[in-house]
């Protein structure tokens, strides 16, 4: 408390400034900082001038319930951890750390536990071995339901970043995240506060934060926004917004060829993109066995 009061006094006395950065505009043309964290899909990497997730920004992944948000984020976290370095994965709903570990292994080999078929055992063991070696930190809020606040999560992430130098931050089930702000009264206010903290955290650490939420889809139809729950807040605040859609069998048959005859046809759309063209879409294949998206 004394430190906080002294900081405020220093601002009033002019010893500190509330501005976070002051410099000539020419100082900010740093081409070396442009490249982002490599995503798991070439479609995303090739659609952004940063060739991946832009640093210091919040990115949004949304879909209808069961539409592959968590699967995509798991797949992406593995890719970034493999190619770039340490990542942190925060889970805030019913997916605990043990379940998350099993799903990550399944994303790599198609098995979430030791397979009965002995032919698949070596592949499973290799996936487990690789997962144990990857620098993926899990912050599990499911076991401490009273501490699902974004401020606590941000504090832990800052400590990890200072220690290991994170390359990406993942926040799954953001609709479940709480805030310590006692003035918050509605879901809209709560999500606004959560979104602000995530943006500050991304900017402070200069690390991309990938957020998974179904709030931006009010129904199963692509493009609808559930404003009542605050979906518009995330959409307006994010730098990149992905929409995922895995086609059901009856809907897939209505697609033009070759997608009508492609099992697991899935659409990934870049609805918003501050670092490239927006409203881009590309068909992918949903691999049901591994629960992951594959490029056609």
Protein backbone atom coordinates (compact mmCIF):
# COMPACT_ATOMS: atom_id res chain seq x y z
CA UNK A 1 0.00 0.00 0.00
CA UNK A 2 2.84 2.41 0.88
CA UNK A 3 4.51 1.68 -2.46
CA UNK A 4 1.25 2.38 -4.29
CA UNK A 5 0.76 5.69 -2.48
CA UNK A 6 4.36 6.71 -3.17
CA UNK A 7 3.89 5.87 -6.86
CA UNK A 8 0.80 8.12 -6.96
CA UNK A 9 2.70 10.91 -5.18
CA UNK A 10 5.56 10.61 -7.66
CA UNK A 11 3.12 11.06 -10.53
CA UNK A 12 1.62 14.15 -8.90
CA UNK A 13 5.11 15.58 -8.30
CA UNK A 14 6.10 14.97 -11.88
CA UNK A 15 8.75 12.36 -11.03
CA UNK A 16 6.83 9.77 -13.00
CA UNK A 17 4.63 10.00 -16.06
CA UNK A 18 1.44 8.06 -16.71
CA UNK A 19 2.56 7.54 -20.29
CA UNK A 20 3.95 4.04 -20.88
CA UNK A 21 6.05 4.99 -23.92
CA UNK A 22 7.42 8.28 -25.18
CA UNK A 23 9.55 8.44 -28.30
CA UNK A 24 9.87 9.72 -31.85
CA UNK A 25 7.72 7.93 -34.39
CA UNK A 26 10.85 6.75 -36.19
CA UNK A 27 11.85 4.75 -33.12
CA UNK A 28 8.96 2.37 -33.65
CA UNK A 29 9.95 1.12 -37.11
CA UNK A 30 11.60 -2.06 -35.89
CA UNK A 31 11.28 -4.71 -38.59
CA UNK A 32 12.85 -7.32 -36.30
CA UNK A 33 9.82 -7.20 -33.98
CA UNK A 34 7.27 -7.70 -36.73
CA UNK A 35 7.37 -11.51 -36.90
CA UNK A 36 4.84 -13.15 -34.60
CA UNK A 37 4.50 -16.57 -32.96
CA UNK A 38 4.05 -19.30 -35.56
CA UNK A 39 0.50 -20.68 -35.57
CA UNK A 40 -0.35 -24.33 -36.16
CA UNK A 41 -2.04 -23.47 -39.48
CA UNK A 42 -0.31 -22.06 -42.55
CA UNK A 43 -3.60 -20.35 -43.38
CA UNK A 44 -3.14 -18.05 -40.38
CA UNK A 45 0.60 -17.55 -40.88
CA UNK A 46 0.19 -16.63 -44.55
CA UNK A 47 -2.74 -14.28 -43.86
CA UNK A 48 -0.85 -11.99 -41.46
CA UNK A 49 2.09 -9.68 -42.11
CA UNK A 50 3.52 -10.96 -38.80
CA UNK A 51 3.53 -14.52 -40.22
CA UNK A 52 1.64 -15.71 -37.16
CA UNK A 53 0.12 -14.38 -33.94
CA UNK A 54 1.14 -10.73 -33.50
CA UNK A 55 3.04 -10.07 -30.28
CA UNK A 56 1.49 -7.90 -27.59
CA UNK A 57 -2.05 -8.51 -28.86
CA UNK A 58 -5.17 -10.46 -27.88
CA UNK A 59 -6.45 -12.94 -30.47
CA UNK A 60 -9.88 -14.55 -30.35
CA UNK A 61 -10.93 -18.09 -31.31
CA UNK A 62 -14.67 -18.66 -31.29
CA UNK A 63 -17.19 -21.27 -32.34
CA UNK A 64 -20.46 -22.83 -31.31
CA UNK A 65 -20.35 -25.22 -28.36
CA UNK A 66 -18.30 -28.27 -29.33
CA UNK A 67 -16.99 -26.49 -32.42
CA UNK A 68 -13.30 -27.18 -31.82
CA UNK A 69 -12.11 -24.10 -29.89
CA UNK A 70 -10.22 -26.02 -27.22
CA UNK A 71 -8.94 -28.54 -29.77
CA UNK A 72 -7.54 -25.74 -31.90
CA UNK A 73 -5.92 -23.98 -28.93
CA UNK A 74 -4.35 -27.24 -27.74
CA UNK A 75 -3.04 -27.91 -31.24
CA UNK A 76 -1.68 -24.39 -31.48
CA UNK A 77 -0.06 -24.45 -28.03
CA UNK A 78 1.83 -27.61 -28.97
CA UNK A 79 3.02 -26.02 -32.21
CA UNK A 80 4.24 -22.80 -30.58
CA UNK A 81 5.91 -24.69 -27.71
CA UNK A 82 7.67 -26.93 -30.25
CA UNK A 83 8.85 -24.19 -32.60
CA UNK A 84 9.09 -21.06 -30.47
CA UNK A 85 9.47 -21.84 -26.77
CA UNK A 86 7.56 -21.80 -23.46
CA UNK A 87 3.80 -21.21 -23.43
CA UNK A 88 1.23 -21.05 -20.64
CA UNK A 89 -2.24 -22.55 -20.94
CA UNK A 90 -4.93 -21.33 -18.55
CA UNK A 91 -8.07 -23.44 -18.28
CA UNK A 92 -11.06 -22.02 -16.43
CA UNK A 93 -13.93 -24.49 -16.84
CA UNK A 94 -14.42 -28.25 -16.69
CA UNK A 95 -11.17 -29.20 -18.44
CA UNK A 96 -8.65 -29.86 -15.66
CA UNK A 97 -4.89 -30.23 -16.06
CA UNK A 98 -5.03 -34.06 -16.24
CA UNK A 99 -7.74 -33.98 -18.93
CA UNK A 100 -5.82 -31.30 -20.77
CA UNK A 101 -2.68 -33.46 -20.78
CA UNK A 102 -4.61 -36.41 -22.20
CA UNK A 103 -6.15 -34.25 -24.91
CA UNK A 104 -2.75 -32.90 -25.88
CA UNK A 105 -1.40 -36.42 -26.27
CA UNK A 106 -4.46 -37.37 -28.32
CA UNK A 107 -3.88 -34.39 -30.59
CA UNK A 108 -0.45 -35.79 -31.39
CA UNK A 109 -1.12 -39.52 -31.76
CA UNK A 110 -4.88 -40.11 -31.67
CA UNK A 111 -4.85 -41.88 -28.28
CA UNK A 112 -5.65 -40.26 -24.94
CA UNK A 113 -4.56 -43.33 -22.97
CA UNK A 114 -2.59 -46.52 -23.60
CA UNK A 115 -4.28 -48.14 -26.64
CA UNK A 116 -5.51 -51.73 -26.51
CA UNK A 117 -4.09 -52.32 -29.95
CA UNK A 118 -0.41 -53.00 -29.32
CA UNK A 119 0.45 -51.55 -32.73
CA UNK A 120 -0.45 -48.09 -31.44
CA UNK A 121 1.51 -48.33 -28.18
CA UNK A 122 4.86 -47.06 -29.57
CA UNK A 123 3.17 -44.03 -31.13
CA UNK A 124 1.36 -43.29 -27.87
CA UNK A 125 4.55 -43.60 -25.81
CA UNK A 126 6.43 -41.31 -28.19
CA UNK A 127 3.67 -38.70 -27.89
CA UNK A 128 3.74 -38.89 -24.08
CA UNK A 129 7.52 -38.58 -24.09
CA UNK A 130 7.41 -35.53 -26.34
CA UNK A 131 4.67 -33.90 -24.29
CA UNK A 132 6.74 -34.29 -21.13
CA UNK A 133 9.63 -32.50 -22.81
CA UNK A 134 7.61 -29.57 -24.17
CA UNK A 135 7.67 -26.28 -22.18
CA UNK A 136 3.90 -26.06 -21.69
CA UNK A 137 2.84 -24.63 -18.33
CA UNK A 138 -0.75 -25.23 -17.20
CA UNK A 139 -2.57 -22.89 -14.83
CA UNK A 140 -5.59 -24.90 -13.70
CA UNK A 141 -8.41 -22.83 -12.17
CA UNK A 142 -10.87 -25.73 -12.17
CA UNK A 143 -9.66 -27.04 -8.81
CA UNK A 144 -9.77 -23.61 -7.16
CA UNK A 145 -13.17 -22.40 -8.26
CA UNK A 146 -12.94 -19.37 -5.99
CA UNK A 147 -9.81 -18.10 -7.72
CA UNK A 148 -10.87 -17.89 -11.34
CA UNK A 149 -10.06 -14.19 -11.47
CA UNK A 150 -8.06 -12.75 -14.33
CA UNK A 151 -5.91 -10.64 -12.02
CA UNK A 152 -4.51 -13.73 -10.27
CA UNK A 153 -3.90 -15.42 -13.60
CA UNK A 154 -2.10 -12.34 -14.94
CA UNK A 155 0.13 -12.22 -11.84
CA UNK A 156 1.20 -15.85 -12.29
CA UNK A 157 1.81 -15.32 -16.00
CA UNK A 158 4.07 -12.32 -15.30
CA UNK A 159 6.16 -14.42 -12.91
CA UNK A 160 6.48 -17.19 -15.50
CA UNK A 161 7.39 -14.71 -18.21
CA UNK A 162 10.15 -13.13 -16.12
CA UNK A 163 11.55 -16.56 -15.38
CA UNK A 164 11.26 -18.32 -18.75
CA UNK A 165 10.32 -15.80 -21.42
CA UNK A 166 6.92 -16.96 -22.67
CA UNK A 167 6.15 -17.11 -26.39
CA UNK A 168 2.34 -17.36 -26.14
CA UNK A 169 -0.47 -17.24 -23.56
CA UNK A 170 -3.69 -19.24 -23.89
CA UNK A 171 -6.92 -18.48 -22.00
CA UNK A 172 -9.54 -21.18 -22.47
CA UNK A 173 -13.21 -20.71 -21.51
CA UNK A 174 -12.85 -16.96 -21.06
CA UNK A 175 -16.61 -16.76 -20.42
CA UNK A 176 -15.91 -18.39 -17.03
CA UNK A 177 -13.16 -15.98 -15.99
CA UNK A 178 -13.95 -13.68 -13.07
CA UNK A 179 -12.52 -10.39 -11.87
CA UNK A 180 -11.60 -8.95 -8.48
CA UNK A 181 -13.22 -5.64 -9.39
CA UNK A 182 -16.07 -5.34 -6.88
CA UNK A 183 -17.80 -2.66 -8.95
CA UNK A 184 -18.65 -5.16 -11.69
CA UNK A 185 -22.37 -5.92 -11.78
CA UNK A 186 -23.20 -7.45 -15.17
CA UNK A 187 -21.66 -10.04 -17.52
CA UNK A 188 -20.87 -7.23 -19.93
CA UNK A 189 -18.96 -5.28 -17.25
CA UNK A 190 -17.14 -8.43 -16.13
CA UNK A 191 -16.02 -9.36 -19.62
CA UNK A 192 -14.96 -5.78 -20.31
CA UNK A 193 -12.71 -5.90 -17.25
CA UNK A 194 -11.33 -9.32 -18.19
CA UNK A 195 -10.66 -8.17 -21.75
CA UNK A 196 -8.83 -5.05 -20.51
CA UNK A 197 -6.56 -7.06 -18.20
CA UNK A 198 -5.74 -9.53 -20.99
CA UNK A 199 -4.83 -6.68 -23.33
CA UNK A 200 -2.61 -5.05 -20.69
CA UNK A 201 -0.95 -8.38 -19.96
CA UNK A 202 -0.25 -8.98 -23.66
CA UNK A 203 1.15 -5.49 -24.17
CA UNK A 204 3.26 -5.61 -21.00
CA UNK A 205 4.83 -8.98 -21.78
CA UNK A 206 4.86 -8.39 -25.56
CA UNK A 207 3.41 -11.89 -25.93
CA UNK A 208 0.35 -12.92 -28.00
CA UNK A 209 -2.64 -14.09 -25.96
CA UNK A 210 -5.02 -16.51 -27.68
CA UNK A 211 -8.46 -16.51 -26.08
CA UNK A 212 -11.11 -19.19 -26.59
CA UNK A 213 -14.77 -18.27 -26.19
CA UNK A 214 -18.21 -19.17 -27.49
CA UNK A 215 -19.59 -15.80 -26.44
CA UNK A 216 -19.16 -14.35 -29.90
CA UNK A 217 -21.48 -16.91 -31.44
CA UNK A 218 -25.06 -16.63 -30.27
CA UNK A 219 -26.20 -19.60 -32.35
CA UNK A 220 -24.77 -22.32 -34.56
CA UNK A 221 -24.85 -20.04 -37.58
CA UNK A 222 -21.59 -18.45 -38.59
CA UNK A 223 -21.39 -14.72 -38.11
CA UNK A 224 -23.96 -14.20 -35.37
CA UNK A 225 -22.92 -12.30 -32.27
CA UNK A 226 -24.40 -12.69 -28.80
CA UNK A 227 -24.20 -9.07 -27.66
CA UNK A 228 -26.16 -9.67 -24.46
CA UNK A 229 -23.34 -11.76 -22.95
CA UNK A 230 -20.63 -9.35 -24.01
CA UNK A 231 -19.42 -11.05 -27.17
CA UNK A 232 -19.01 -7.69 -28.88
CA UNK A 233 -16.43 -6.65 -26.27
CA UNK A 234 -14.00 -9.40 -27.27
CA UNK A 235 -14.65 -8.89 -30.96
CA UNK A 236 -13.84 -5.18 -30.76
CA UNK A 237 -10.77 -5.62 -28.56
CA UNK A 238 -9.02 -8.46 -30.37
CA UNK A 239 -6.42 -8.12 -33.12
CA UNK A 240 -7.36 -11.33 -34.90
CA UNK A 241 -10.67 -13.17 -34.72
CA UNK A 242 -11.09 -16.75 -35.92
CA UNK A 243 -14.42 -18.50 -36.38
CA UNK A 244 -14.47 -22.27 -36.56
CA UNK A 245 -17.21 -24.45 -38.01
CA UNK A 246 -17.15 -28.24 -38.27
CA UNK A 247 -19.87 -29.29 -40.70
CA UNK A 248 -22.37 -31.92 -39.66
CA UNK A 249 -22.96 -34.73 -42.13
CA UNK A 250 -26.19 -33.31 -43.57
CA UNK A 251 -24.66 -29.85 -43.98
CA UNK A 252 -21.45 -31.18 -45.50
CA UNK A 253 -23.33 -32.98 -48.29
CA UNK A 254 -24.67 -29.60 -49.44
CA UNK A 255 -21.19 -28.16 -49.94
CA UNK A 256 -19.62 -27.95 -53.41
CA UNK A 257 -17.07 -30.57 -54.41
CA UNK A 258 -14.55 -31.65 -53.31
CA UNK A 259 -15.73 -30.63 -49.83
CA UNK A 260 -19.06 -32.47 -50.02
CA UNK A 261 -17.14 -35.74 -50.23
CA UNK A 262 -14.46 -34.72 -47.69
CA UNK A 263 -15.09 -36.40 -44.33
CA UNK A 264 -14.83 -33.88 -41.51
CA UNK A 265 -15.03 -30.77 -43.68
CA UNK A 266 -14.44 -27.69 -41.54
CA UNK A 267 -14.37 -23.97 -42.25
CA UNK A 268 -11.90 -21.60 -40.61
CA UNK A 269 -12.63 -17.95 -41.15
CA UNK A 270 -10.48 -14.94 -40.26
CA UNK A 271 -13.30 -12.56 -39.48
CA UNK A 272 -11.06 -9.75 -38.21
CA UNK A 273 -7.39 -9.16 -38.86
CA UNK A 274 -5.52 -5.99 -37.92
CA UNK A 275 -2.32 -7.42 -39.35
CA UNK A 276 -3.60 -8.48 -42.76
CA UNK A 277 -6.77 -8.92 -44.81
CA UNK A 278 -10.01 -9.67 -43.00
CA UNK A 279 -12.96 -11.81 -44.02
CA UNK A 280 -10.78 -14.62 -45.32
CA UNK A 281 -11.90 -18.25 -45.17
CA UNK A 282 -10.44 -21.62 -46.05
CA UNK A 283 -11.76 -25.16 -45.85
CA UNK A 284 -9.92 -27.59 -43.59
CA UNK A 285 -10.36 -31.20 -42.52
CA UNK A 286 -11.47 -32.07 -39.00
CA UNK A 287 -9.57 -35.17 -37.91
CA UNK A 288 -12.03 -36.76 -35.48
CA UNK A 289 -9.56 -39.37 -34.26
CA UNK A 290 -6.95 -36.83 -33.21
CA UNK A 291 -9.41 -33.98 -32.57
CA UNK A 292 -7.42 -31.51 -34.64
CA UNK A 293 -7.70 -29.37 -37.77
CA UNK A 294 -5.71 -30.32 -40.86
CA UNK A 295 -5.11 -28.25 -43.96
CA UNK A 296 -6.34 -29.71 -47.23
